[in-house]
């Protein structure tokens, strides 16, 4: 399948003309300081998953699941095929919800006395990203790099039954290298990729990557810089966002969804004043690109299994605000 990405080998997307480009740290420092997701996650290497973790099975027939490392390896291979002439970075892997066990020989030992070879472990939830740093764009002074990633949560599988289709989340979009926020749209996101084998997973991952329209996504992101909220409008937005989850069911069903929780809305309100990268400007307004980044930054506190859905929702929501300011959107409730 031919890719929709109209990019020549080793080329960069033409940077958007901008002023006041901000330089904070080296790109390497930014990545090391700011993981793409925080919450209760920690960083591990692909090697750790390959060498130190057991593979869960479906208990009724002892058929193995598709392991986290296989998922990552499939994504790496797909990225290498589609972007064969580009530089591809090693995956950044984050895990949570460790499931611990022990070997039969250590059945009677106290936990504190267990030796390393007597311990078993795997992680219920895992997320990763793979950057293609040679495909970039500048928006509002922020450098964005093409990024592919995935999420796997064993809590969404019925491991107490026989082997069945397994569910994965896969996305392709851009990562803001100023803050490591991810920018994902519905065009580059599969919320539930259902597969029965590694080969089927590989085919669907490559299909998603190949069908993603990067240039359209970037145009939509750039459009956000053209719209701004006054302080009064932003205050209205935060207030309505707090009310949203408590609306009567019928009224709530008529309003587009907002998936961020109350704690994340509080973070957005705080960062509106305190985040030097995306805060209110000297004129007392904030453009929607910065609002979007406040949302995606707050989303880093999400658990792995809700992270991707909320990231996509942040993009849809901010686009909806732009359409409202343009006089054509059913998101007007949040600003009215």
Protein backbone atom coordinates (compact mmCIF):
# COMPACT_ATOMS: atom_id res chain seq x y z
CA UNK A 1 0.00 0.00 0.00
CA UNK A 2 1.30 3.45 -0.92
CA UNK A 3 1.64 5.89 1.93
CA UNK A 4 -0.39 9.11 1.99
CA UNK A 5 2.60 10.89 3.54
CA UNK A 6 3.98 12.82 0.58
CA UNK A 7 7.50 13.02 1.96
CA UNK A 8 10.73 12.48 0.10
CA UNK A 9 13.58 10.57 1.78
CA UNK A 10 15.41 12.61 4.40
CA UNK A 11 13.34 15.73 3.81
CA UNK A 12 11.64 17.85 6.44
CA UNK A 13 8.17 19.28 6.06
CA UNK A 14 8.40 22.93 5.13
CA UNK A 15 8.42 24.90 8.39
CA UNK A 16 5.52 27.27 8.96
CA UNK A 17 6.65 30.88 8.97
CA UNK A 18 6.69 32.10 12.53
CA UNK A 19 8.26 34.64 14.81
CA UNK A 20 9.61 34.45 18.34
CA UNK A 21 10.82 30.88 18.07
CA UNK A 22 11.61 29.73 21.59
CA UNK A 23 14.62 27.62 22.51
CA UNK A 24 14.57 25.98 25.94
CA UNK A 25 17.01 23.06 26.13
CA UNK A 26 18.52 20.61 23.74
CA UNK A 27 16.01 18.15 22.33
CA UNK A 28 17.71 15.31 24.20
CA UNK A 29 17.36 17.16 27.51
CA UNK A 30 13.68 17.85 26.86
CA UNK A 31 12.95 14.17 26.19
CA UNK A 32 14.85 13.04 29.27
CA UNK A 33 13.07 15.53 31.53
CA UNK A 34 9.55 15.11 30.15
CA UNK A 35 8.12 11.66 29.44
CA UNK A 36 5.17 11.52 27.07
CA UNK A 37 3.03 10.14 29.93
CA UNK A 38 3.56 10.40 33.67
CA UNK A 39 0.76 9.28 36.01
CA UNK A 40 1.89 6.13 37.84
CA UNK A 41 4.18 4.93 35.05
CA UNK A 42 7.89 4.26 34.95
CA UNK A 43 10.34 3.91 32.10
CA UNK A 44 11.69 0.50 31.09
CA UNK A 45 13.74 -0.74 28.18
CA UNK A 46 12.52 -3.04 25.45
CA UNK A 47 15.28 -5.41 26.56
CA UNK A 48 13.73 -5.61 30.04
CA UNK A 49 10.41 -6.71 28.54
CA UNK A 50 12.17 -9.26 26.31
CA UNK A 51 14.42 -10.82 28.96
CA UNK A 52 12.86 -10.29 32.37
CA UNK A 53 9.10 -10.56 31.95
CA UNK A 54 6.87 -13.60 31.66
CA UNK A 55 4.11 -13.72 29.04
CA UNK A 56 0.50 -13.91 30.29
CA UNK A 57 -1.73 -16.65 28.88
CA UNK A 58 -5.44 -17.31 28.46
CA UNK A 59 -5.97 -19.60 31.42
CA UNK A 60 -8.61 -21.94 29.97
CA UNK A 61 -6.36 -23.21 27.13
CA UNK A 62 -2.90 -21.87 28.11
CA UNK A 63 -2.60 -20.06 24.77
CA UNK A 64 -0.18 -17.15 25.02
CA UNK A 65 -1.15 -13.54 24.58
CA UNK A 66 0.67 -11.22 22.19
CA UNK A 67 3.40 -9.95 24.49
CA UNK A 68 4.18 -6.28 25.01
CA UNK A 69 7.57 -6.69 23.36
CA UNK A 70 6.01 -8.33 20.30
CA UNK A 71 3.65 -5.37 19.94
CA UNK A 72 6.57 -2.94 20.06
CA UNK A 73 8.63 -5.03 17.63
CA UNK A 74 5.71 -5.14 15.19
CA UNK A 75 5.42 -1.33 15.35
CA UNK A 76 9.17 -0.91 14.83
CA UNK A 77 9.11 -3.12 11.75
CA UNK A 78 6.08 -1.31 10.32
CA UNK A 79 7.67 2.10 10.87
CA UNK A 80 10.88 0.89 9.23
CA UNK A 81 8.96 -0.30 6.17
CA UNK A 82 6.90 2.86 5.67
CA UNK A 83 9.74 5.27 6.48
CA UNK A 84 12.65 3.26 5.14
CA UNK A 85 14.68 6.35 4.18
CA UNK A 86 14.26 8.15 7.49
CA UNK A 87 16.02 8.02 10.84
CA UNK A 88 13.98 6.13 13.43
CA UNK A 89 14.65 6.35 17.16
CA UNK A 90 14.54 3.50 19.67
CA UNK A 91 11.16 3.13 21.39
CA UNK A 92 10.39 4.99 24.60
CA UNK A 93 8.46 2.54 26.80
CA UNK A 94 6.39 3.28 29.90
CA UNK A 95 4.71 0.62 32.06
CA UNK A 96 2.37 0.45 35.06
CA UNK A 97 0.46 -2.00 37.26
CA UNK A 98 3.18 -4.58 37.85
CA UNK A 99 1.96 -8.15 38.38
CA UNK A 100 4.39 -10.06 40.57
CA UNK A 101 4.86 -13.79 41.05
CA UNK A 102 7.42 -16.39 42.08
CA UNK A 103 8.81 -19.68 40.88
CA UNK A 104 7.60 -22.95 42.49
CA UNK A 105 10.97 -23.45 44.18
CA UNK A 106 10.35 -20.29 46.24
CA UNK A 107 6.87 -21.15 47.38
CA UNK A 108 7.69 -21.08 51.10
CA UNK A 109 10.07 -18.12 51.15
CA UNK A 110 9.23 -14.79 52.69
CA UNK A 111 8.97 -12.02 50.11
CA UNK A 112 12.03 -10.26 51.53
CA UNK A 113 14.13 -13.40 51.05
CA UNK A 114 13.33 -13.98 47.38
CA UNK A 115 16.28 -14.07 45.01
CA UNK A 116 16.02 -12.34 41.66
CA UNK A 117 15.80 -15.60 39.70
CA UNK A 118 12.89 -16.69 41.93
CA UNK A 119 10.74 -13.67 41.04
CA UNK A 120 8.43 -13.41 38.06
CA UNK A 121 6.83 -10.27 36.74
CA UNK A 122 4.85 -8.72 33.94
CA UNK A 123 3.04 -5.40 33.55
CA UNK A 124 -0.68 -5.10 33.09
CA UNK A 125 -0.39 -1.85 31.11
CA UNK A 126 2.21 -0.59 28.66
CA UNK A 127 2.55 2.38 26.32
CA UNK A 128 5.33 3.26 23.90
CA UNK A 129 6.28 5.77 21.25
CA UNK A 130 8.73 5.65 18.34
CA UNK A 131 9.89 8.98 16.92
CA UNK A 132 10.86 9.70 13.31
CA UNK A 133 12.91 12.86 14.02
CA UNK A 134 13.74 13.52 10.36
CA UNK A 135 10.07 14.34 9.66
CA UNK A 136 9.34 17.61 11.44
CA UNK A 137 7.33 20.81 11.37
CA UNK A 138 7.41 24.11 13.28
CA UNK A 139 4.13 25.41 14.71
CA UNK A 140 4.00 28.55 16.84
CA UNK A 141 7.72 28.24 17.48
CA UNK A 142 7.43 24.61 18.63
CA UNK A 143 9.21 21.82 16.79
CA UNK A 144 7.02 18.77 16.16
CA UNK A 145 8.42 15.34 15.23
CA UNK A 146 6.44 12.51 13.63
CA UNK A 147 5.70 9.87 16.26
CA UNK A 148 4.10 6.43 16.21
CA UNK A 149 2.96 4.67 19.35
CA UNK A 150 0.72 2.14 20.99
CA UNK A 151 -1.05 1.16 24.19
CA UNK A 152 -1.73 -2.30 25.57
CA UNK A 153 -3.81 -3.01 28.67
CA UNK A 154 -4.29 -6.62 29.73
CA UNK A 155 -7.15 -5.51 31.95
CA UNK A 156 -9.17 -5.16 28.73
CA UNK A 157 -8.69 -8.85 27.94
CA UNK A 158 -10.49 -11.79 29.55
CA UNK A 159 -7.43 -13.81 30.53
CA UNK A 160 -9.59 -16.22 32.54
CA UNK A 161 -11.19 -17.56 29.36
CA UNK A 162 -10.01 -19.25 26.17
CA UNK A 163 -7.90 -17.39 23.65
CA UNK A 164 -9.88 -14.76 21.75
CA UNK A 165 -9.17 -11.66 19.72
CA UNK A 166 -6.83 -9.26 21.49
CA UNK A 167 -7.21 -5.50 21.63
CA UNK A 168 -4.59 -2.82 21.03
CA UNK A 169 -4.52 0.95 20.63
CA UNK A 170 -2.23 2.35 17.93
CA UNK A 171 -1.64 5.96 16.94
CA UNK A 172 0.46 8.09 14.63
CA UNK A 173 0.78 11.84 15.02
CA UNK A 174 3.34 14.36 16.19
CA UNK A 175 5.17 15.03 19.43
CA UNK A 176 5.80 18.59 20.53
CA UNK A 177 9.52 18.50 21.35
CA UNK A 178 9.25 21.60 23.55
CA UNK A 179 7.19 19.69 26.12
CA UNK A 180 6.91 16.11 24.75
CA UNK A 181 3.11 16.43 24.53
CA UNK A 182 1.60 14.15 21.90
CA UNK A 183 -0.65 15.51 19.15
CA UNK A 184 -3.01 12.77 17.94
CA UNK A 185 -6.06 13.09 15.69
CA UNK A 186 -8.84 10.62 14.89
CA UNK A 187 -7.26 10.20 11.45
CA UNK A 188 -4.19 8.60 13.04
CA UNK A 189 -5.79 6.63 15.84
CA UNK A 190 -7.27 3.18 16.25
CA UNK A 191 -8.96 2.96 19.65
CA UNK A 192 -9.49 -0.79 19.50
CA UNK A 193 -7.43 -2.71 16.97
CA UNK A 194 -8.76 -6.27 17.30
CA UNK A 195 -6.43 -9.03 16.08
CA UNK A 196 -5.90 -12.77 16.48
CA UNK A 197 -2.21 -13.02 15.61
CA UNK A 198 1.04 -11.09 15.40
CA UNK A 199 0.85 -11.14 11.59
CA UNK A 200 -2.65 -9.65 11.63
CA UNK A 201 -1.46 -6.98 14.06
CA UNK A 202 1.48 -6.13 11.80
CA UNK A 203 -0.81 -5.70 8.79
CA UNK A 204 -3.23 -3.42 10.62
CA UNK A 205 -0.48 -1.29 12.17
CA UNK A 206 1.14 -0.74 8.79
CA UNK A 207 -2.24 0.07 7.24
CA UNK A 208 -2.93 2.74 9.87
CA UNK A 209 0.51 4.30 9.44
CA UNK A 210 0.22 4.31 5.66
CA UNK A 211 -3.24 5.86 5.56
CA UNK A 212 -2.42 8.72 7.96
CA UNK A 213 -2.52 12.15 6.30
CA UNK A 214 0.23 14.05 8.12
CA UNK A 215 -0.06 17.21 6.08
CA UNK A 216 -3.78 17.59 6.79
CA UNK A 217 -3.18 17.01 10.50
CA UNK A 218 -0.47 19.69 10.54
CA UNK A 219 -2.74 22.17 8.74
CA UNK A 220 -5.39 21.60 11.40
CA UNK A 221 -2.84 22.12 14.17
CA UNK A 222 -1.56 25.30 12.52
CA UNK A 223 -5.12 26.61 12.27
CA UNK A 224 -5.34 26.60 16.07
CA UNK A 225 -2.78 29.42 16.20
CA UNK A 226 -5.23 31.69 14.35
CA UNK A 227 -7.85 31.72 17.11
CA UNK A 228 -7.59 33.12 20.63
CA UNK A 229 -9.62 33.22 23.84
CA UNK A 230 -9.85 36.25 26.08
CA UNK A 231 -9.31 35.72 29.80
CA UNK A 232 -13.07 35.96 30.30
CA UNK A 233 -13.70 33.29 27.65
CA UNK A 234 -11.07 31.02 29.15
CA UNK A 235 -12.61 31.42 32.60
CA UNK A 236 -15.99 30.52 31.09
CA UNK A 237 -14.43 27.45 29.48
CA UNK A 238 -12.90 26.24 32.74
CA UNK A 239 -16.14 26.80 34.64
CA UNK A 240 -18.24 24.92 32.09
CA UNK A 241 -15.64 22.13 31.94
CA UNK A 242 -16.06 21.68 35.71
CA UNK A 243 -19.85 21.58 35.35
CA UNK A 244 -19.82 19.17 32.42
CA UNK A 245 -19.47 15.91 34.38
CA UNK A 246 -22.40 16.82 36.65
CA UNK A 247 -24.89 17.68 33.92
CA UNK A 248 -28.17 15.73 33.75
CA UNK A 249 -27.76 12.73 31.46
CA UNK A 250 -30.08 14.03 28.74
CA UNK A 251 -28.42 17.44 28.57
CA UNK A 252 -24.95 15.92 28.64
CA UNK A 253 -25.77 13.67 25.67
CA UNK A 254 -26.45 16.76 23.56
CA UNK A 255 -23.00 18.26 24.20
CA UNK A 256 -19.75 17.00 22.63
CA UNK A 257 -17.71 14.93 25.10
CA UNK A 258 -14.88 16.24 27.25
CA UNK A 259 -12.92 13.32 28.72
CA UNK A 260 -10.50 15.12 31.06
CA UNK A 261 -11.28 14.82 34.77
CA UNK A 262 -11.65 17.53 37.42
CA UNK A 263 -8.03 17.25 38.57
CA UNK A 264 -6.80 17.77 35.02
CA UNK A 265 -9.08 20.78 34.54
CA UNK A 266 -7.51 22.24 37.71
CA UNK A 267 -4.05 21.67 36.22
CA UNK A 268 -5.09 23.49 33.05
CA UNK A 269 -6.33 26.46 35.09
CA UNK A 270 -3.07 26.61 37.05
CA UNK A 271 -0.87 26.29 33.96
CA UNK A 272 -2.87 29.02 32.22
CA UNK A 273 -0.96 31.40 34.48
CA UNK A 274 2.16 29.42 35.41
CA UNK A 275 3.30 27.45 32.34
CA UNK A 276 5.86 29.75 30.70
CA UNK A 277 5.52 27.94 27.36
CA UNK A 278 1.74 28.06 26.92
CA UNK A 279 0.34 30.60 29.40
CA UNK A 280 -1.75 33.73 28.84
CA UNK A 281 0.12 36.38 26.85
CA UNK A 282 0.82 40.00 27.76
CA UNK A 283 -2.28 41.16 25.89
CA UNK A 284 -4.48 39.02 28.13
CA UNK A 285 -5.40 36.35 25.57
CA UNK A 286 -4.29 32.82 24.74
CA UNK A 287 -4.34 31.19 21.32
CA UNK A 288 -5.94 27.79 20.86
CA UNK A 289 -2.61 26.12 20.07
CA UNK A 290 -1.52 26.98 23.60
CA UNK A 291 -4.89 25.92 25.01
CA UNK A 292 -4.49 22.59 23.21
CA UNK A 293 -1.05 22.10 24.73
CA UNK A 294 -2.40 22.89 28.20
CA UNK A 295 -4.92 20.10 27.62
CA UNK A 296 -2.40 17.56 26.32
CA UNK A 297 0.02 18.42 29.10
CA UNK A 298 -2.67 17.84 31.74
CA UNK A 299 -3.50 14.55 30.04
CA UNK A 300 -0.06 13.20 30.99
CA UNK A 301 -1.52 12.44 34.41
CA UNK A 302 -3.94 9.91 32.87
CA UNK A 303 -3.51 6.20 33.40
CA UNK A 304 -2.15 4.32 30.40
CA UNK A 305 -5.51 2.80 29.46
CA UNK A 306 -7.26 6.20 29.16
CA UNK A 307 -4.33 8.25 27.88
CA UNK A 308 -4.78 7.89 24.10
CA UNK A 309 -8.55 8.40 24.05
CA UNK A 310 -8.19 11.59 26.09
CA UNK A 311 -5.40 12.86 23.86
CA UNK A 312 -7.55 12.46 20.74
CA UNK A 313 -10.48 14.04 22.56
CA UNK A 314 -8.32 17.07 23.44
CA UNK A 315 -7.67 17.63 19.72
CA UNK A 316 -11.33 17.25 18.77
CA UNK A 317 -12.39 19.51 21.63
CA UNK A 318 -9.94 22.30 20.75
CA UNK A 319 -10.92 22.09 17.09
CA UNK A 320 -14.52 22.42 18.24
CA UNK A 321 -13.65 25.60 20.12
CA UNK A 322 -12.05 27.02 16.97
CA UNK A 323 -15.23 26.31 15.01
CA UNK A 324 -17.29 27.93 17.75
CA UNK A 325 -15.19 31.10 17.52
CA UNK A 326 -15.79 30.94 13.78
CA UNK A 327 -19.54 30.78 14.41
CA UNK A 328 -20.18 27.16 13.47
CA UNK A 329 -19.96 24.50 16.17
CA UNK A 330 -22.00 22.58 18.73
CA UNK A 331 -19.22 23.22 21.26
CA UNK A 332 -20.69 26.68 21.96
CA UNK A 333 -22.05 25.49 25.36
CA UNK A 334 -18.49 25.57 26.75
CA UNK A 335 -18.07 29.24 25.87
CA UNK A 336 -21.61 30.53 26.41
